[in-house]
Amino acid sequence: MTLAAFVANKSGQVQVTSMSGPLCPSGAMCPMYAIAYTLTVTVTQ
């Protein structure tokens, strides 16, 4: 689980994107997958 906190400085819209993949030792078999997550945040007054 990963947690994150953000502070809005003004009104508007922004996309927050996070990507991750496996950390495999050199020379070892490694699964080929990636995880991508995009969050669109809209701040209004």
N, C-alpha and C. Protein backbone atom coordinates (compact mmCIF):
# COMPACT_ATOMS: atom_id res chain seq x y z
N MET A 1 0.84 -1.15 0.00
CA MET A 1 0.00 0.00 0.00
C MET A 1 0.90 1.23 0.00
N THR A 2 0.51 2.22 -0.76
CA THR A 2 1.22 3.49 -0.80
C THR A 2 0.23 4.60 -0.50
N LEU A 3 0.64 5.53 0.34
CA LEU A 3 -0.21 6.67 0.67
C LEU A 3 0.47 7.95 0.20
N ALA A 4 -0.32 8.93 -0.17
CA ALA A 4 0.22 10.22 -0.59
C ALA A 4 -0.74 11.31 -0.16
N ALA A 5 -0.19 12.49 0.08
CA ALA A 5 -1.01 13.66 0.44
C ALA A 5 -0.62 14.82 -0.47
N PHE A 6 -1.60 15.63 -0.81
CA PHE A 6 -1.37 16.77 -1.69
C PHE A 6 -2.03 18.00 -1.08
N VAL A 7 -1.48 19.17 -1.39
CA VAL A 7 -2.04 20.44 -0.94
C VAL A 7 -2.34 21.27 -2.18
N ALA A 8 -3.58 21.76 -2.29
CA ALA A 8 -3.96 22.61 -3.42
C ALA A 8 -3.62 24.06 -3.11
N ASN A 9 -2.88 24.69 -4.02
CA ASN A 9 -2.51 26.10 -3.85
C ASN A 9 -3.47 27.04 -4.57
N LYS A 10 -4.21 26.52 -5.56
CA LYS A 10 -5.16 27.34 -6.30
C LYS A 10 -6.15 26.44 -7.02
N SER A 11 -7.20 27.01 -7.55
CA SER A 11 -8.21 26.26 -8.31
C SER A 11 -7.61 25.79 -9.62
N GLY A 12 -8.12 24.68 -10.12
CA GLY A 12 -7.67 24.18 -11.42
C GLY A 12 -7.75 22.67 -11.48
N GLN A 13 -7.11 22.11 -12.49
CA GLN A 13 -7.13 20.68 -12.70
C GLN A 13 -5.72 20.20 -12.99
N VAL A 14 -5.37 19.02 -12.46
CA VAL A 14 -4.03 18.45 -12.68
C VAL A 14 -4.15 16.94 -12.73
N GLN A 15 -3.25 16.29 -13.48
CA GLN A 15 -3.18 14.84 -13.50
C GLN A 15 -1.94 14.41 -12.73
N VAL A 16 -2.13 13.45 -11.83
CA VAL A 16 -1.03 12.87 -11.07
C VAL A 16 -0.85 11.45 -11.61
N THR A 17 0.36 11.12 -12.05
CA THR A 17 0.63 9.82 -12.65
C THR A 17 1.74 9.11 -11.87
N SER A 18 1.54 7.82 -11.65
CA SER A 18 2.52 7.00 -10.95
C SER A 18 2.73 5.72 -11.75
N MET A 19 3.99 5.27 -11.85
CA MET A 19 4.31 4.03 -12.55
C MET A 19 5.26 3.21 -11.69
N SER A 20 5.13 1.88 -11.81
CA SER A 20 5.98 0.97 -11.04
C SER A 20 6.19 -0.31 -11.83
N GLY A 21 7.27 -0.99 -11.52
CA GLY A 21 7.59 -2.28 -12.12
C GLY A 21 8.40 -3.09 -11.13
N PRO A 22 8.68 -4.34 -11.46
CA PRO A 22 9.41 -5.20 -10.54
C PRO A 22 10.88 -4.78 -10.40
N LEU A 23 11.44 -5.01 -9.22
CA LEU A 23 12.87 -4.83 -8.98
C LEU A 23 13.48 -6.23 -8.89
N CYS A 24 14.17 -6.64 -9.94
CA CYS A 24 14.69 -8.01 -10.01
C CYS A 24 16.21 -8.00 -9.93
N PRO A 25 16.80 -9.01 -9.27
CA PRO A 25 18.26 -9.09 -9.22
C PRO A 25 18.83 -9.34 -10.61
N SER A 26 20.04 -8.87 -10.83
CA SER A 26 20.71 -9.03 -12.12
C SER A 26 20.88 -10.52 -12.44
N GLY A 27 20.52 -10.92 -13.65
CA GLY A 27 20.69 -12.29 -14.10
C GLY A 27 19.57 -13.24 -13.67
N ALA A 28 18.62 -12.76 -12.87
CA ALA A 28 17.52 -13.62 -12.41
C ALA A 28 16.32 -13.48 -13.35
N MET A 29 15.48 -14.53 -13.37
CA MET A 29 14.24 -14.43 -14.14
C MET A 29 13.36 -13.37 -13.49
N CYS A 30 12.67 -12.61 -14.33
CA CYS A 30 11.90 -11.49 -13.81
C CYS A 30 10.57 -11.40 -14.58
N PRO A 31 9.44 -11.24 -13.88
CA PRO A 31 8.18 -11.07 -14.61
C PRO A 31 8.17 -9.73 -15.34
N MET A 32 7.55 -9.72 -16.49
CA MET A 32 7.49 -8.51 -17.30
C MET A 32 6.12 -7.85 -17.13
N TYR A 33 5.99 -7.03 -16.13
CA TYR A 33 4.74 -6.31 -15.93
C TYR A 33 5.05 -4.90 -15.46
N ALA A 34 4.11 -4.03 -15.65
CA ALA A 34 4.21 -2.65 -15.18
C ALA A 34 2.84 -2.24 -14.65
N ILE A 35 2.87 -1.37 -13.68
CA ILE A 35 1.63 -0.86 -13.09
C ILE A 35 1.59 0.65 -13.33
N ALA A 36 0.51 1.13 -13.89
CA ALA A 36 0.37 2.56 -14.14
C ALA A 36 -0.94 3.04 -13.50
N TYR A 37 -0.89 4.22 -12.91
CA TYR A 37 -2.07 4.78 -12.25
C TYR A 37 -2.10 6.26 -12.56
N THR A 38 -3.24 6.76 -13.01
CA THR A 38 -3.41 8.19 -13.27
C THR A 38 -4.64 8.68 -12.52
N LEU A 39 -4.47 9.79 -11.84
CA LEU A 39 -5.55 10.39 -11.06
C LEU A 39 -5.73 11.83 -11.55
N THR A 40 -6.95 12.20 -11.89
CA THR A 40 -7.25 13.57 -12.27
C THR A 40 -7.90 14.28 -11.06
N VAL A 41 -7.30 15.37 -10.65
CA VAL A 41 -7.79 16.13 -9.49
C VAL A 41 -8.32 17.47 -9.98
N THR A 42 -9.55 17.81 -9.58
CA THR A 42 -10.13 19.11 -9.90
C THR A 42 -10.38 19.85 -8.58
N VAL A 43 -9.83 21.05 -8.47
CA VAL A 43 -9.98 21.87 -7.27
C VAL A 43 -10.86 23.07 -7.60
N THR A 44 -11.93 23.24 -6.84
CA THR A 44 -12.81 24.39 -7.03
C THR A 44 -12.88 25.18 -5.73
N GLN A 45 -13.31 26.40 -5.83
CA GLN A 45 -13.43 27.24 -4.64
C GLN A 45 -14.71 26.97 -3.92
